[in-house]
Amino acid sequence: MKHTLNTLKVLGEETRLRIFMALVDQELCVCQIVSMLGLAASTTSKHLALMYQAGIIEQRKDGRWAYYSIASDWKAKNKLHKWLLEELATSDKIKADRIKLAESLRQWAKQVCSPVDKDGMTDEKCC
């Protein structure tokens, strides 16, 4: 019961629900989530840490970049996952987030994910 209560507490906050919905179909790096939310990186990281500690999301590190996705075992075993998807599918805020994220990802591919370093070389990593 303690685990269930903790999960409900973590997901009982709008920003974390928005992060959850953004991660439903894809893995995102922290900077992409920050861009979508329009919050400070430190604030976003605190939300991600709470979700990670609750076992809702998982983290993958690639060099200095951290990528997040919904934890596969959480998705498979948790009925709350399906319910949230159904409940939030028609949310105007979630729709707006998806539009903003899609626009952001398009721009990311052009500008952020291929920055030119001081030697004129491109870095294919994100963030």
N, C-alpha and C. Protein backbone atom coordinates (compact mmCIF):
# COMPACT_ATOMS: atom_id res chain seq x y z
N MET A 1 0.83 -1.20 0.00
CA MET A 1 0.00 0.00 0.00
C MET A 1 0.87 1.26 0.00
N LYS A 2 1.99 1.20 0.68
CA LYS A 2 2.88 2.35 0.76
C LYS A 2 3.39 2.76 -0.63
N HIS A 3 3.72 1.78 -1.44
CA HIS A 3 4.20 2.04 -2.80
C HIS A 3 3.11 2.71 -3.64
N THR A 4 1.89 2.23 -3.51
CA THR A 4 0.76 2.81 -4.26
C THR A 4 0.52 4.25 -3.84
N LEU A 5 0.56 4.51 -2.55
CA LEU A 5 0.36 5.88 -2.08
C LEU A 5 1.46 6.80 -2.59
N ASN A 6 2.69 6.33 -2.58
CA ASN A 6 3.80 7.14 -3.08
C ASN A 6 3.62 7.45 -4.57
N THR A 7 3.23 6.45 -5.34
CA THR A 7 3.00 6.65 -6.77
C THR A 7 1.92 7.69 -7.00
N LEU A 8 0.83 7.60 -6.25
CA LEU A 8 -0.26 8.57 -6.39
C LEU A 8 0.18 9.98 -5.99
N LYS A 9 1.01 10.08 -4.96
CA LYS A 9 1.53 11.39 -4.55
C LYS A 9 2.40 11.99 -5.64
N VAL A 10 3.26 11.18 -6.21
CA VAL A 10 4.16 11.66 -7.25
C VAL A 10 3.37 12.11 -8.47
N LEU A 11 2.41 11.33 -8.89
CA LEU A 11 1.64 11.67 -10.09
C LEU A 11 0.50 12.65 -9.82
N GLY A 12 0.29 12.98 -8.57
CA GLY A 12 -0.77 13.91 -8.20
C GLY A 12 -0.35 15.36 -8.32
N GLU A 13 0.47 15.67 -9.29
CA GLU A 13 0.97 17.02 -9.51
C GLU A 13 1.00 17.28 -11.01
N GLU A 14 0.51 18.41 -11.44
CA GLU A 14 0.32 18.69 -12.87
C GLU A 14 1.60 18.57 -13.70
N THR A 15 2.68 19.14 -13.24
CA THR A 15 3.92 19.10 -14.02
C THR A 15 4.39 17.68 -14.23
N ARG A 16 4.30 16.86 -13.20
CA ARG A 16 4.75 15.47 -13.35
C ARG A 16 3.82 14.68 -14.26
N LEU A 17 2.53 14.98 -14.25
CA LEU A 17 1.62 14.34 -15.20
C LEU A 17 1.95 14.75 -16.64
N ARG A 18 2.31 16.02 -16.82
CA ARG A 18 2.71 16.48 -18.14
C ARG A 18 3.97 15.76 -18.62
N ILE A 19 4.93 15.58 -17.72
CA ILE A 19 6.14 14.85 -18.06
C ILE A 19 5.79 13.41 -18.41
N PHE A 20 4.96 12.80 -17.59
CA PHE A 20 4.53 11.42 -17.84
C PHE A 20 3.95 11.28 -19.24
N MET A 21 3.04 12.16 -19.59
CA MET A 21 2.38 12.08 -20.89
C MET A 21 3.35 12.33 -22.04
N ALA A 22 4.35 13.18 -21.83
CA ALA A 22 5.34 13.45 -22.87
C ALA A 22 6.22 12.22 -23.12
N LEU A 23 6.41 11.43 -22.07
CA LEU A 23 7.29 10.25 -22.16
C LEU A 23 6.55 8.97 -22.58
N VAL A 24 5.26 9.04 -22.71
CA VAL A 24 4.47 7.85 -23.01
C VAL A 24 4.94 7.12 -24.26
N ASP A 25 5.20 7.85 -25.33
CA ASP A 25 5.55 7.22 -26.60
C ASP A 25 7.00 7.41 -27.01
N GLN A 26 7.80 8.05 -26.16
CA GLN A 26 9.16 8.35 -26.58
C GLN A 26 10.10 8.60 -25.41
N GLU A 27 11.35 8.48 -25.71
CA GLU A 27 12.41 8.80 -24.77
C GLU A 27 12.82 10.25 -25.06
N LEU A 28 13.00 11.03 -24.00
CA LEU A 28 13.39 12.43 -24.16
C LEU A 28 14.56 12.75 -23.25
N CYS A 29 15.40 13.67 -23.70
CA CYS A 29 16.47 14.13 -22.82
C CYS A 29 15.92 15.26 -21.95
N VAL A 30 16.63 15.57 -20.91
CA VAL A 30 16.18 16.58 -19.96
C VAL A 30 15.93 17.92 -20.65
N CYS A 31 16.82 18.31 -21.55
CA CYS A 31 16.66 19.62 -22.19
C CYS A 31 15.39 19.69 -23.04
N GLN A 32 14.98 18.59 -23.62
CA GLN A 32 13.74 18.57 -24.40
C GLN A 32 12.53 18.73 -23.48
N ILE A 33 12.59 18.11 -22.33
CA ILE A 33 11.49 18.23 -21.36
C ILE A 33 11.43 19.65 -20.80
N VAL A 34 12.61 20.22 -20.50
CA VAL A 34 12.68 21.61 -20.03
C VAL A 34 12.05 22.55 -21.04
N SER A 35 12.38 22.35 -22.31
CA SER A 35 11.86 23.19 -23.38
C SER A 35 10.34 23.10 -23.46
N MET A 36 9.81 21.90 -23.35
CA MET A 36 8.36 21.70 -23.43
C MET A 36 7.66 22.38 -22.25
N LEU A 37 8.19 22.20 -21.05
CA LEU A 37 7.54 22.72 -19.85
C LEU A 37 7.71 24.22 -19.69
N GLY A 38 8.85 24.74 -20.17
CA GLY A 38 9.14 26.15 -19.96
C GLY A 38 9.55 26.45 -18.53
N LEU A 39 10.08 25.45 -17.85
CA LEU A 39 10.53 25.60 -16.47
C LEU A 39 12.05 25.59 -16.42
N ALA A 40 12.60 25.98 -15.28
CA ALA A 40 14.04 25.92 -15.09
C ALA A 40 14.49 24.46 -15.10
N ALA A 41 15.71 24.24 -15.54
CA ALA A 41 16.26 22.88 -15.59
C ALA A 41 16.30 22.26 -14.19
N SER A 42 16.62 23.05 -13.18
CA SER A 42 16.69 22.52 -11.82
C SER A 42 15.31 22.06 -11.33
N THR A 43 14.28 22.81 -11.64
CA THR A 43 12.92 22.44 -11.26
C THR A 43 12.49 21.16 -11.97
N THR A 44 12.77 21.10 -13.26
CA THR A 44 12.43 19.92 -14.05
C THR A 44 13.17 18.69 -13.52
N SER A 45 14.44 18.86 -13.19
CA SER A 45 15.23 17.75 -12.67
C SER A 45 14.68 17.22 -11.35
N LYS A 46 14.16 18.10 -10.52
CA LYS A 46 13.56 17.66 -9.25
C LYS A 46 12.32 16.80 -9.51
N HIS A 47 11.51 17.23 -10.48
CA HIS A 47 10.32 16.44 -10.84
C HIS A 47 10.74 15.07 -11.39
N LEU A 48 11.74 15.06 -12.25
CA LEU A 48 12.22 13.80 -12.83
C LEU A 48 12.79 12.89 -11.75
N ALA A 49 13.49 13.45 -10.80
CA ALA A 49 14.07 12.65 -9.72
C ALA A 49 12.98 11.97 -8.89
N LEU A 50 11.93 12.70 -8.59
CA LEU A 50 10.81 12.11 -7.82
C LEU A 50 10.16 10.97 -8.60
N MET A 51 9.98 11.17 -9.89
CA MET A 51 9.37 10.14 -10.72
C MET A 51 10.27 8.92 -10.85
N TYR A 52 11.57 9.16 -10.94
CA TYR A 52 12.54 8.08 -11.03
C TYR A 52 12.57 7.27 -9.73
N GLN A 53 12.60 7.97 -8.60
CA GLN A 53 12.61 7.30 -7.29
C GLN A 53 11.36 6.47 -7.06
N ALA A 54 10.24 6.91 -7.63
CA ALA A 54 8.98 6.17 -7.49
C ALA A 54 8.91 4.99 -8.46
N GLY A 55 9.88 4.88 -9.37
CA GLY A 55 9.90 3.77 -10.32
C GLY A 55 8.98 3.98 -11.52
N ILE A 56 8.53 5.20 -11.73
CA ILE A 56 7.62 5.50 -12.83
C ILE A 56 8.39 5.67 -14.14
N ILE A 57 9.55 6.28 -14.04
CA ILE A 57 10.39 6.47 -15.22
C ILE A 57 11.75 5.84 -15.00
N GLU A 58 12.44 5.61 -16.11
CA GLU A 58 13.81 5.11 -16.03
C GLU A 58 14.72 6.09 -16.75
N GLN A 59 15.97 6.03 -16.37
CA GLN A 59 16.96 6.95 -16.91
C GLN A 59 18.05 6.18 -17.64
N ARG A 60 18.48 6.75 -18.75
CA ARG A 60 19.61 6.19 -19.49
C ARG A 60 20.60 7.32 -19.71
N LYS A 61 21.84 7.07 -19.33
CA LYS A 61 22.88 8.09 -19.51
C LYS A 61 23.67 7.76 -20.76
N ASP A 62 24.00 8.80 -21.49
CA ASP A 62 24.85 8.68 -22.67
C ASP A 62 25.83 9.84 -22.60
N GLY A 63 27.01 9.58 -22.08
CA GLY A 63 27.96 10.66 -21.84
C GLY A 63 27.41 11.59 -20.77
N ARG A 64 27.34 12.86 -21.11
CA ARG A 64 26.81 13.82 -20.13
C ARG A 64 25.31 14.05 -20.25
N TRP A 65 24.67 13.35 -21.17
CA TRP A 65 23.24 13.51 -21.39
C TRP A 65 22.46 12.43 -20.66
N ALA A 66 21.30 12.83 -20.15
CA ALA A 66 20.41 11.89 -19.47
C ALA A 66 19.09 11.84 -20.24
N TYR A 67 18.66 10.64 -20.54
CA TYR A 67 17.42 10.42 -21.28
C TYR A 67 16.44 9.69 -20.38
N TYR A 68 15.18 10.06 -20.48
CA TYR A 68 14.14 9.46 -19.65
C TYR A 68 13.05 8.83 -20.50
N SER A 69 12.46 7.78 -19.96
CA SER A 69 11.31 7.12 -20.59
C SER A 69 10.47 6.50 -19.48
N ILE A 70 9.25 6.12 -19.82
CA ILE A 70 8.41 5.42 -18.84
C ILE A 70 9.06 4.06 -18.58
N ALA A 71 9.15 3.70 -17.31
CA ALA A 71 9.75 2.41 -16.94
C ALA A 71 8.94 1.28 -17.55
N SER A 72 9.61 0.39 -18.26
CA SER A 72 8.91 -0.68 -18.97
C SER A 72 8.13 -1.59 -18.02
N ASP A 73 8.69 -1.89 -16.86
CA ASP A 73 7.96 -2.75 -15.92
C ASP A 73 6.77 -2.00 -15.31
N TRP A 74 6.88 -0.69 -15.16
CA TRP A 74 5.77 0.09 -14.63
C TRP A 74 4.62 0.10 -15.64
N LYS A 75 4.97 0.25 -16.90
CA LYS A 75 3.98 0.26 -17.97
C LYS A 75 3.24 -1.08 -18.04
N ALA A 76 3.99 -2.15 -17.95
CA ALA A 76 3.43 -3.49 -18.12
C ALA A 76 2.54 -3.92 -16.95
N LYS A 77 2.91 -3.53 -15.73
CA LYS A 77 2.22 -4.02 -14.54
C LYS A 77 1.19 -3.07 -13.96
N ASN A 78 1.18 -1.85 -14.41
CA ASN A 78 0.40 -0.84 -13.72
C ASN A 78 -0.86 -0.44 -14.48
N LYS A 79 -2.00 -0.71 -13.90
CA LYS A 79 -3.28 -0.34 -14.51
C LYS A 79 -3.47 1.17 -14.52
N LEU A 80 -2.77 1.84 -13.63
CA LEU A 80 -2.85 3.30 -13.56
C LEU A 80 -2.33 3.92 -14.85
N HIS A 81 -1.35 3.29 -15.46
CA HIS A 81 -0.78 3.76 -16.73
C HIS A 81 -1.87 3.90 -17.80
N LYS A 82 -2.62 2.84 -17.99
CA LYS A 82 -3.69 2.84 -19.00
C LYS A 82 -4.77 3.87 -18.65
N TRP A 83 -5.14 3.93 -17.40
CA TRP A 83 -6.17 4.86 -16.96
C TRP A 83 -5.74 6.31 -17.21
N LEU A 84 -4.48 6.63 -16.88
CA LEU A 84 -3.99 7.98 -17.11
C LEU A 84 -4.01 8.36 -18.59
N LEU A 85 -3.60 7.41 -19.43
CA LEU A 85 -3.62 7.67 -20.87
C LEU A 85 -5.03 8.00 -21.34
N GLU A 86 -6.01 7.24 -20.87
CA GLU A 86 -7.40 7.48 -21.26
C GLU A 86 -7.93 8.80 -20.70
N GLU A 87 -7.63 9.06 -19.44
CA GLU A 87 -8.13 10.27 -18.78
C GLU A 87 -7.54 11.55 -19.37
N LEU A 88 -6.27 11.50 -19.71
CA LEU A 88 -5.58 12.72 -20.14
C LEU A 88 -5.54 12.89 -21.66
N ALA A 89 -6.09 11.93 -22.38
CA ALA A 89 -6.05 11.97 -23.85
C ALA A 89 -6.72 13.21 -24.42
N THR A 90 -7.74 13.72 -23.76
CA THR A 90 -8.47 14.87 -24.27
C THR A 90 -8.11 16.18 -23.56
N SER A 91 -7.10 16.15 -22.72
CA SER A 91 -6.69 17.34 -21.99
C SER A 91 -6.10 18.39 -22.93
N ASP A 92 -6.60 19.62 -22.84
CA ASP A 92 -6.08 20.71 -23.67
C ASP A 92 -4.61 20.99 -23.35
N LYS A 93 -4.24 20.89 -22.11
CA LYS A 93 -2.85 21.13 -21.69
C LYS A 93 -1.92 20.08 -22.30
N ILE A 94 -2.34 18.83 -22.30
CA ILE A 94 -1.53 17.75 -22.86
C ILE A 94 -1.43 17.91 -24.38
N LYS A 95 -2.53 18.28 -25.02
CA LYS A 95 -2.50 18.53 -26.47
C LYS A 95 -1.52 19.66 -26.79
N ALA A 96 -1.57 20.73 -26.02
CA ALA A 96 -0.67 21.87 -26.23
C ALA A 96 0.79 21.45 -26.01
N ASP A 97 1.02 20.63 -24.99
CA ASP A 97 2.37 20.12 -24.74
C ASP A 97 2.88 19.31 -25.92
N ARG A 98 2.03 18.46 -26.47
CA ARG A 98 2.43 17.62 -27.60
C ARG A 98 2.79 18.47 -28.82
N ILE A 99 2.01 19.51 -29.05
CA ILE A 99 2.29 20.40 -30.17
C ILE A 99 3.63 21.12 -29.94
N LYS A 100 3.80 21.66 -28.74
CA LYS A 100 5.03 22.37 -28.41
C LYS A 100 6.24 21.44 -28.50
N LEU A 101 6.09 20.22 -28.01
CA LEU A 101 7.18 19.26 -28.05
C LEU A 101 7.53 18.87 -29.48
N ALA A 102 6.52 18.66 -30.32
CA ALA A 102 6.77 18.31 -31.72
C ALA A 102 7.51 19.44 -32.43
N GLU A 103 7.09 20.67 -32.19
CA GLU A 103 7.77 21.82 -32.79
C GLU A 103 9.20 21.92 -32.27
N SER A 104 9.35 21.71 -30.99
CA SER A 104 10.65 21.76 -30.35
C SER A 104 11.59 20.69 -30.91
N LEU A 105 11.07 19.49 -31.10
CA LEU A 105 11.89 18.39 -31.62
C LEU A 105 12.33 18.66 -33.06
N ARG A 106 11.46 19.28 -33.83
CA ARG A 106 11.84 19.64 -35.20
C ARG A 106 12.97 20.66 -35.19
N GLN A 107 12.85 21.66 -34.33
CA GLN A 107 13.90 22.67 -34.21
C GLN A 107 15.18 22.07 -33.64
N TRP A 108 15.02 21.15 -32.71
CA TRP A 108 16.16 20.49 -32.08
C TRP A 108 17.04 19.82 -33.13
N ALA A 109 16.40 19.14 -34.02
CA ALA A 109 17.14 18.41 -35.06
C ALA A 109 17.95 19.37 -35.91
N LYS A 110 17.44 20.56 -36.12
CA LYS A 110 18.13 21.54 -36.96
C LYS A 110 19.19 22.32 -36.20
N GLN A 111 18.88 22.74 -34.97
CA GLN A 111 19.73 23.69 -34.26
C GLN A 111 20.48 23.10 -33.09
N VAL A 112 19.77 22.51 -32.17
CA VAL A 112 20.36 22.12 -30.90
C VAL A 112 21.13 20.80 -30.98
N CYS A 113 20.61 19.85 -31.72
CA CYS A 113 21.24 18.53 -31.73
C CYS A 113 22.46 18.47 -32.63
N SER A 114 22.71 19.48 -33.39
CA SER A 114 23.90 19.49 -34.23
C SER A 114 24.65 20.81 -34.07
N PRO A 115 24.97 21.18 -32.83
CA PRO A 115 25.68 22.45 -32.65
C PRO A 115 27.09 22.36 -33.23
N VAL A 116 27.56 23.48 -33.70
CA VAL A 116 28.92 23.54 -34.25
C VAL A 116 29.85 23.97 -33.13
N ASP A 117 30.93 23.18 -32.93
CA ASP A 117 31.89 23.54 -31.90
C ASP A 117 32.90 24.54 -32.43
N LYS A 118 33.88 24.92 -31.61
CA LYS A 118 34.85 25.95 -31.98
C LYS A 118 35.68 25.59 -33.20
N ASP A 119 35.80 24.30 -33.52
CA ASP A 119 36.56 23.85 -34.68
C ASP A 119 35.68 23.67 -35.92
N GLY A 120 34.42 24.04 -35.82
CA GLY A 120 33.52 23.92 -36.95
C GLY A 120 32.95 22.52 -37.13
N MET A 121 33.17 21.66 -36.16
CA MET A 121 32.66 20.29 -36.22
C MET A 121 31.28 20.25 -35.57
N THR A 122 30.44 19.33 -36.01
CA THR A 122 29.13 19.20 -35.41
C THR A 122 29.14 18.09 -34.38
N ASP A 123 28.35 18.25 -33.35
CA ASP A 123 28.19 17.25 -32.30
C ASP A 123 26.81 16.65 -32.49
N GLU A 124 26.72 15.38 -32.79
CA GLU A 124 25.44 14.74 -33.09
C GLU A 124 24.61 14.46 -31.84
N LYS A 125 25.14 14.70 -30.68
CA LYS A 125 24.40 14.46 -29.44
C LYS A 125 23.42 15.60 -29.19
N CYS A 126 22.42 15.30 -28.43
CA CYS A 126 21.42 16.30 -28.08
C CYS A 126 21.81 17.00 -26.79
N CYS A 127 21.39 18.19 -26.64
CA CYS A 127 21.55 19.00 -25.43
C CYS A 127 22.92 19.60 -25.35
